[in-house]
């Protein structure tokens, strides 16, 4: 049996072969959050606790995929964007922090007007992250997400249902 601390160190060391140390640590923390619901502090507090064999199996599956170069978000099937945990897979791009800045800019710009926009169209919507973030912050605005990929639109619709936000994809 391995302890939380031992396995954390092992996971980071395995990833350090293909990622810089800070990135390897961040990815490892995301894996621990997914499997054990542990934040960084929980890993430290519980470092001497033993891991159950089922958790070790889940970590190994994740690690094997990560070692192929697959992004952690695709491995876990989710990514955070603007406070929402969204479903992602290889049919959509992984939402980025820079895109959150774009949403901030749009919301800041629209706040200058007395009337909120009546409608917004998000072209190349992918996971629907922009459309959903805008709808969440502009609930009276009609939001439409458009994409040429039916697989991407399927993910966007799933995210819309998961977030309980009415966006027309």
Foldseek 3Di string as FASTA:
>chain_A
DAFLQVVLVVQLVLCVVPDPSVVSNVLSQVLCCLLVVDHPVNSVVRRGHDDDPVSVVSSVQLSVVVSVVDDSCQSSQWDDALNATAGDHPQADHDDPVVNVVLVVVVVVQVVDPDHEQEDEAEQCQLVRSQQNNCVVVVNHAYEYDYPDPVSVVRNVVSCVVVVGDHHD
